[in-house]
Amino acid sequence: MVVSYHRPLHLRVAETIREGIALGQFRPVDPDQTVFTIFGMIQHYFATGPLASQIWKRDIWLPKNVAERRAAVLDFIWHGLFLANPNSQ
């Protein structure tokens, strides 16, 4: 699993982050740590689905709720990774 799936995906996303940094689009971050942070935000939601459903008293698997999670993750990535003004670096 690691060699066939996890490592290639991790390397691909880390390289995308490196390219964004080099182009001045992303803040200078540690690509490997950032990949784990992004993946963690996504995986934790689904790994703790039953718990989250009980805490929020809603079915997190409903398409509407998954779409809300997607938007929240993308918003967090946008504000945590992208430069506010790409030309200000």
C-alpha atoms as a PDB file:
ATOM      1  CA  MET A   1       0.000   0.000   0.000  1.00  0.00           C
ATOM      2  CA  VAL A   2       2.727   2.453   0.942  1.00  0.00           C
ATOM      3  CA  VAL A   3       4.914   1.821  -2.094  1.00  0.00           C
ATOM      4  CA  SER A   4       2.057   1.533  -4.580  1.00  0.00           C
ATOM      5  CA  TYR A   5      -0.284   4.266  -3.366  1.00  0.00           C
ATOM      6  CA  HIS A   6       0.712   6.399  -0.384  1.00  0.00           C
ATOM      7  CA  ARG A   7       4.281   7.307  -1.311  1.00  0.00           C
ATOM      8  CA  PRO A   8       3.503   8.224  -4.954  1.00  0.00           C
ATOM      9  CA  LEU A   9       0.569  10.408  -3.897  1.00  0.00           C
ATOM     10  CA  HIS A  10       2.594  12.050  -1.133  1.00  0.00           C
ATOM     11  CA  LEU A  11       5.482  12.749  -3.517  1.00  0.00           C
ATOM     12  CA  ARG A  12       3.163  14.165  -6.184  1.00  0.00           C
ATOM     13  CA  VAL A  13       1.459  16.572  -3.770  1.00  0.00           C
ATOM     14  CA  ALA A  14       4.776  17.581  -2.155  1.00  0.00           C
ATOM     15  CA  GLU A  15       6.179  18.359  -5.604  1.00  0.00           C
ATOM     16  CA  THR A  16       3.129  20.481  -6.413  1.00  0.00           C
ATOM     17  CA  ILE A  17       3.757  22.432  -3.210  1.00  0.00           C
ATOM     18  CA  ARG A  18       7.457  22.865  -4.078  1.00  0.00           C
ATOM     19  CA  GLU A  19       6.489  24.177  -7.513  1.00  0.00           C
ATOM     20  CA  GLY A  20       4.009  26.615  -5.981  1.00  0.00           C
ATOM     21  CA  ILE A  21       6.685  27.891  -3.616  1.00  0.00           C
ATOM     22  CA  ALA A  22       9.185  28.268  -6.471  1.00  0.00           C
ATOM     23  CA  LEU A  23       6.597  30.197  -8.512  1.00  0.00           C
ATOM     24  CA  GLY A  24       5.872  32.502  -5.579  1.00  0.00           C
ATOM     25  CA  GLN A  25       2.287  31.294  -5.274  1.00  0.00           C
ATOM     26  CA  PHE A  26       2.668  29.501  -1.930  1.00  0.00           C
ATOM     27  CA  ARG A  27       4.226  30.554   1.329  1.00  0.00           C
ATOM     28  CA  PRO A  28       7.546  28.862   2.055  1.00  0.00           C
ATOM     29  CA  VAL A  29       6.436  25.784   3.994  1.00  0.00           C
ATOM     30  CA  ASP A  30       7.824  22.318   4.570  1.00  0.00           C
ATOM     31  CA  PRO A  31       6.159  20.348   1.748  1.00  0.00           C
ATOM     32  CA  ASP A  32       6.248  17.010   3.594  1.00  0.00           C
ATOM     33  CA  GLN A  33       4.676  18.435   6.761  1.00  0.00           C
ATOM     34  CA  THR A  34       2.083  20.281   4.700  1.00  0.00           C
ATOM     35  CA  VAL A  35       1.093  17.113   2.835  1.00  0.00           C
ATOM     36  CA  PHE A  36       0.531  15.318   6.151  1.00  0.00           C
ATOM     37  CA  THR A  37      -1.520  18.244   7.431  1.00  0.00           C
ATOM     38  CA  ILE A  38      -3.726  18.309   4.332  1.00  0.00           C
ATOM     39  CA  PHE A  39      -4.188  14.548   4.264  1.00  0.00           C
ATOM     40  CA  GLY A  40      -4.890  14.538   7.996  1.00  0.00           C
ATOM     41  CA  MET A  41      -7.676  17.100   7.635  1.00  0.00           C
ATOM     42  CA  ILE A  42      -9.323  14.923   5.021  1.00  0.00           C
ATOM     43  CA  GLN A  43      -8.718  11.481   6.516  1.00  0.00           C
ATOM     44  CA  HIS A  44      -9.687  12.417  10.062  1.00  0.00           C
ATOM     45  CA  TYR A  45     -13.144  13.540   8.948  1.00  0.00           C
ATOM     46  CA  PHE A  46     -13.882  10.163   7.399  1.00  0.00           C
ATOM     47  CA  ALA A  47     -12.038   8.046   9.976  1.00  0.00           C
ATOM     48  CA  THR A  48     -14.048   9.576  12.809  1.00  0.00           C
ATOM     49  CA  GLY A  49     -17.337   9.729  10.905  1.00  0.00           C
ATOM     50  CA  PRO A  50     -19.529   8.058  13.508  1.00  0.00           C
ATOM     51  CA  LEU A  51     -18.084  10.251  16.272  1.00  0.00           C
ATOM     52  CA  ALA A  52     -18.468  13.451  14.243  1.00  0.00           C
ATOM     53  CA  SER A  53     -22.038  12.502  13.359  1.00  0.00           C
ATOM     54  CA  GLN A  54     -22.859  12.118  17.057  1.00  0.00           C
ATOM     55  CA  ILE A  55     -21.112  15.355  18.060  1.00  0.00           C
ATOM     56  CA  TRP A  56     -22.795  17.427  15.341  1.00  0.00           C
ATOM     57  CA  LYS A  57     -26.064  15.446  15.447  1.00  0.00           C
ATOM     58  CA  ARG A  58     -26.115  15.100  11.665  1.00  0.00           C
ATOM     59  CA  ASP A  59     -25.124  12.491   9.126  1.00  0.00           C
ATOM     60  CA  ILE A  60     -21.677  13.594   7.919  1.00  0.00           C
ATOM     61  CA  TRP A  61     -21.957  11.223   4.960  1.00  0.00           C
ATOM     62  CA  LEU A  62     -24.766  13.148   3.297  1.00  0.00           C
ATOM     63  CA  PRO A  63     -23.499  14.747   0.063  1.00  0.00           C
ATOM     64  CA  LYS A  64     -24.336  18.220   1.409  1.00  0.00           C
ATOM     65  CA  ASN A  65     -22.172  17.653   4.498  1.00  0.00           C
ATOM     66  CA  VAL A  66     -19.293  16.153   2.510  1.00  0.00           C
ATOM     67  CA  ALA A  67     -19.447  19.195   0.202  1.00  0.00           C
ATOM     68  CA  GLU A  68     -19.296  21.476   3.259  1.00  0.00           C
ATOM     69  CA  ARG A  69     -16.246  19.590   4.507  1.00  0.00           C
ATOM     70  CA  ARG A  70     -14.587  19.910   1.099  1.00  0.00           C
ATOM     71  CA  ALA A  71     -15.193  23.659   1.106  1.00  0.00           C
ATOM     72  CA  ALA A  72     -13.828  23.981   4.647  1.00  0.00           C
ATOM     73  CA  VAL A  73     -10.647  22.067   3.792  1.00  0.00           C
ATOM     74  CA  LEU A  74     -10.083  24.071   0.607  1.00  0.00           C
ATOM     75  CA  ASP A  75     -10.637  27.327   2.509  1.00  0.00           C
ATOM     76  CA  PHE A  76      -8.107  26.272   5.145  1.00  0.00           C
ATOM     77  CA  ILE A  77      -5.545  25.258   2.515  1.00  0.00           C
ATOM     78  CA  TRP A  78      -6.095  28.490   0.576  1.00  0.00           C
ATOM     79  CA  HIS A  79      -5.505  30.667   3.633  1.00  0.00           C
ATOM     80  CA  GLY A  80      -2.734  28.540   5.081  1.00  0.00           C
ATOM     81  CA  LEU A  81      -0.691  27.883   1.956  1.00  0.00           C
ATOM     82  CA  PHE A  82      -1.240  30.612  -0.605  1.00  0.00           C
ATOM     83  CA  LEU A  83       0.464  33.954  -0.251  1.00  0.00           C
ATOM     84  CA  ALA A  84      -1.928  36.821   0.417  1.00  0.00           C
ATOM     85  CA  ASN A  85      -0.158  38.775  -2.307  1.00  0.00           C
ATOM     86  CA  PRO A  86       1.928  36.495  -4.551  1.00  0.00           C
ATOM     87  CA  ASN A  87       4.125  39.420  -5.611  1.00  0.00           C
ATOM     88  CA  SER A  88       5.069  40.347  -2.038  1.00  0.00           C
ATOM     89  CA  GLN A  89       7.633  37.608  -1.431  1.00  0.00           C
END
